[in-house]
Amino acid sequence: MMLLRFLREIYCSVPPDDPTQWHPVKTLFPRRGVDGGWVGIFGGTVHRRRHNGRWEFRQDTETREEWENRQW
């Protein structure tokens, strides 16, 4: 049951109204970001948008407070 809930949370999200705008997304695997670095490995929110028929990813850096809250 936990696995089904986890998969549902990851894959059954509501699609955005406009996929060309940045919107948050949960990723299971690291992706290449707009700047060429990896996103989804470290803390922070991952966003994606559709650009020229491909997904672009970027990551907001995690603040110190967010990091501390995640630790406990």
N, C-alpha and C. Protein backbone atom coordinates (compact mmCIF):
# COMPACT_ATOMS: atom_id res chain seq x y z
N MET A 1 0.82 -1.20 0.00
CA MET A 1 0.00 0.00 0.00
C MET A 1 0.86 1.27 0.00
N MET A 2 1.98 1.21 0.73
CA MET A 2 2.84 2.38 0.76
C MET A 2 3.43 2.66 -0.63
N LEU A 3 3.78 1.58 -1.34
CA LEU A 3 4.33 1.74 -2.68
C LEU A 3 3.30 2.35 -3.62
N LEU A 4 2.06 1.89 -3.54
CA LEU A 4 1.01 2.46 -4.40
C LEU A 4 0.77 3.93 -4.08
N ARG A 5 0.77 4.28 -2.81
CA ARG A 5 0.58 5.68 -2.43
C ARG A 5 1.73 6.53 -2.95
N PHE A 6 2.95 6.00 -2.82
CA PHE A 6 4.14 6.71 -3.31
C PHE A 6 4.07 6.93 -4.82
N LEU A 7 3.75 5.88 -5.57
CA LEU A 7 3.67 6.00 -7.02
C LEU A 7 2.54 6.94 -7.45
N ARG A 8 1.44 6.89 -6.75
CA ARG A 8 0.32 7.78 -7.06
C ARG A 8 0.71 9.24 -6.83
N GLU A 9 1.46 9.48 -5.76
CA GLU A 9 1.90 10.84 -5.46
C GLU A 9 2.85 11.36 -6.52
N ILE A 10 3.71 10.48 -7.04
CA ILE A 10 4.69 10.90 -8.05
C ILE A 10 4.05 11.08 -9.42
N TYR A 11 3.25 10.12 -9.85
CA TYR A 11 2.79 10.10 -11.24
C TYR A 11 1.39 10.64 -11.46
N CYS A 12 0.58 10.79 -10.46
CA CYS A 12 -0.80 11.22 -10.66
C CYS A 12 -0.99 12.68 -10.28
N SER A 13 -0.10 13.52 -10.72
CA SER A 13 -0.25 14.94 -10.44
C SER A 13 -1.09 15.59 -11.55
N VAL A 14 -1.71 16.69 -11.22
CA VAL A 14 -2.54 17.40 -12.18
C VAL A 14 -1.63 18.13 -13.17
N PRO A 15 -1.83 17.97 -14.46
CA PRO A 15 -0.97 18.65 -15.42
C PRO A 15 -1.19 20.17 -15.35
N PRO A 16 -0.17 20.95 -15.62
CA PRO A 16 -0.31 22.40 -15.56
C PRO A 16 -1.21 22.93 -16.67
N ASP A 17 -1.80 24.10 -16.42
CA ASP A 17 -2.63 24.74 -17.43
C ASP A 17 -1.81 25.11 -18.66
N ASP A 18 -0.62 25.65 -18.41
CA ASP A 18 0.26 26.08 -19.50
C ASP A 18 1.63 25.45 -19.29
N PRO A 19 1.98 24.40 -20.02
CA PRO A 19 3.26 23.72 -19.78
C PRO A 19 4.49 24.55 -20.16
N THR A 20 4.29 25.71 -20.82
CA THR A 20 5.44 26.54 -21.15
C THR A 20 5.85 27.43 -19.98
N GLN A 21 5.09 27.44 -18.90
CA GLN A 21 5.43 28.19 -17.69
C GLN A 21 6.11 27.24 -16.70
N TRP A 22 7.03 27.76 -15.88
CA TRP A 22 7.70 26.94 -14.88
C TRP A 22 6.68 26.45 -13.86
N HIS A 23 6.71 25.17 -13.54
CA HIS A 23 5.83 24.61 -12.51
C HIS A 23 6.61 23.54 -11.74
N PRO A 24 6.31 23.39 -10.43
CA PRO A 24 7.06 22.42 -9.63
C PRO A 24 6.74 20.99 -10.04
N VAL A 25 7.72 20.12 -9.89
CA VAL A 25 7.56 18.72 -10.26
C VAL A 25 8.40 17.87 -9.31
N LYS A 26 7.95 16.65 -9.06
CA LYS A 26 8.73 15.71 -8.24
C LYS A 26 9.47 14.79 -9.19
N THR A 27 10.74 14.58 -8.91
CA THR A 27 11.54 13.72 -9.78
C THR A 27 12.09 12.55 -8.99
N LEU A 28 12.13 11.40 -9.61
CA LEU A 28 12.74 10.22 -9.01
C LEU A 28 14.21 10.13 -9.36
N PHE A 29 14.57 10.61 -10.54
CA PHE A 29 15.93 10.51 -11.03
C PHE A 29 16.48 11.90 -11.29
N PRO A 30 17.79 12.09 -11.14
CA PRO A 30 18.40 13.39 -11.45
C PRO A 30 18.22 13.72 -12.94
N ARG A 31 18.06 14.98 -13.23
CA ARG A 31 17.90 15.46 -14.60
C ARG A 31 18.93 16.54 -14.88
N ARG A 32 19.20 16.78 -16.15
CA ARG A 32 20.08 17.88 -16.54
C ARG A 32 19.30 19.17 -16.50
N GLY A 33 19.86 20.17 -15.84
CA GLY A 33 19.20 21.46 -15.73
C GLY A 33 19.49 22.34 -16.92
N VAL A 34 18.90 23.52 -16.91
CA VAL A 34 19.09 24.49 -17.99
C VAL A 34 20.55 24.89 -18.10
N ASP A 35 21.23 25.01 -16.96
CA ASP A 35 22.63 25.43 -16.96
C ASP A 35 23.61 24.27 -17.18
N GLY A 36 23.11 23.05 -17.38
CA GLY A 36 23.95 21.90 -17.64
C GLY A 36 24.28 21.08 -16.42
N GLY A 37 23.96 21.59 -15.23
CA GLY A 37 24.20 20.84 -14.00
C GLY A 37 23.06 19.88 -13.71
N TRP A 38 23.26 19.03 -12.71
CA TRP A 38 22.24 18.07 -12.33
C TRP A 38 21.26 18.70 -11.35
N VAL A 39 19.97 18.44 -11.52
CA VAL A 39 18.95 18.90 -10.59
C VAL A 39 18.23 17.68 -10.03
N GLY A 40 17.68 17.83 -8.84
CA GLY A 40 16.94 16.74 -8.22
C GLY A 40 17.78 15.89 -7.31
N ILE A 41 19.08 16.18 -7.19
CA ILE A 41 19.94 15.41 -6.31
C ILE A 41 19.94 16.01 -4.92
N PHE A 42 20.18 17.29 -4.84
CA PHE A 42 20.28 17.98 -3.56
C PHE A 42 18.94 18.58 -3.21
N GLY A 43 18.84 19.15 -2.03
CA GLY A 43 17.58 19.75 -1.60
C GLY A 43 17.20 20.95 -2.45
N GLY A 44 15.94 21.26 -2.44
CA GLY A 44 15.42 22.37 -3.23
C GLY A 44 14.27 21.89 -4.09
N THR A 45 13.54 22.84 -4.62
CA THR A 45 12.38 22.53 -5.43
C THR A 45 12.78 22.47 -6.90
N VAL A 46 12.37 21.43 -7.58
CA VAL A 46 12.66 21.27 -9.01
C VAL A 46 11.45 21.77 -9.80
N HIS A 47 11.71 22.60 -10.81
CA HIS A 47 10.67 23.13 -11.69
C HIS A 47 10.97 22.68 -13.11
N ARG A 48 9.92 22.57 -13.91
CA ARG A 48 10.13 22.25 -15.32
C ARG A 48 9.15 23.04 -16.18
N ARG A 49 9.51 23.15 -17.46
CA ARG A 49 8.64 23.77 -18.45
C ARG A 49 8.93 23.14 -19.80
N ARG A 50 8.01 23.29 -20.71
CA ARG A 50 8.16 22.77 -22.07
C ARG A 50 8.75 23.88 -22.92
N HIS A 51 9.83 23.57 -23.63
CA HIS A 51 10.47 24.57 -24.49
C HIS A 51 11.00 23.86 -25.73
N ASN A 52 10.53 24.26 -26.90
CA ASN A 52 10.92 23.66 -28.18
C ASN A 52 10.70 22.15 -28.20
N GLY A 53 9.60 21.71 -27.62
CA GLY A 53 9.25 20.29 -27.65
C GLY A 53 9.97 19.42 -26.64
N ARG A 54 10.79 20.01 -25.78
CA ARG A 54 11.53 19.26 -24.76
C ARG A 54 11.30 19.88 -23.40
N TRP A 55 11.45 19.07 -22.34
CA TRP A 55 11.34 19.58 -20.98
C TRP A 55 12.65 20.23 -20.56
N GLU A 56 12.56 21.40 -19.92
CA GLU A 56 13.70 22.06 -19.32
C GLU A 56 13.50 22.00 -17.81
N PHE A 57 14.57 21.76 -17.07
CA PHE A 57 14.51 21.67 -15.62
C PHE A 57 15.38 22.72 -14.98
N ARG A 58 14.96 23.22 -13.83
CA ARG A 58 15.78 24.10 -13.01
C ARG A 58 15.45 23.81 -11.56
N GLN A 59 16.33 24.22 -10.66
CA GLN A 59 16.13 23.92 -9.26
C GLN A 59 16.34 25.18 -8.44
N ASP A 60 15.39 25.46 -7.55
CA ASP A 60 15.56 26.55 -6.60
C ASP A 60 16.45 26.03 -5.48
N THR A 61 17.42 26.83 -5.10
CA THR A 61 18.30 26.38 -4.04
C THR A 61 17.56 26.34 -2.72
N GLU A 62 17.97 25.44 -1.87
CA GLU A 62 17.34 25.24 -0.58
C GLU A 62 17.94 26.22 0.42
N THR A 63 17.10 26.88 1.20
CA THR A 63 17.59 27.80 2.22
C THR A 63 18.07 27.02 3.43
N ARG A 64 18.78 27.69 4.30
CA ARG A 64 19.27 27.04 5.52
C ARG A 64 18.10 26.54 6.38
N GLU A 65 17.04 27.34 6.48
CA GLU A 65 15.87 26.94 7.26
C GLU A 65 15.20 25.71 6.68
N GLU A 66 15.05 25.64 5.36
CA GLU A 66 14.46 24.47 4.72
C GLU A 66 15.31 23.23 4.96
N TRP A 67 16.62 23.39 4.90
CA TRP A 67 17.51 22.27 5.15
C TRP A 67 17.36 21.76 6.57
N GLU A 68 17.33 22.68 7.54
CA GLU A 68 17.19 22.29 8.94
C GLU A 68 15.84 21.61 9.20
N ASN A 69 14.78 22.11 8.60
CA ASN A 69 13.45 21.49 8.77
C ASN A 69 13.42 20.08 8.17
N ARG A 70 14.14 19.88 7.10
CA ARG A 70 14.16 18.57 6.46
C ARG A 70 14.95 17.55 7.29
N GLN A 71 15.89 18.02 8.10
CA GLN A 71 16.72 17.12 8.89
C GLN A 71 15.94 16.49 10.05
N TRP A 72 14.95 17.17 10.55
CA TRP A 72 14.23 16.67 11.73
C TRP A 72 12.87 16.30 11.34
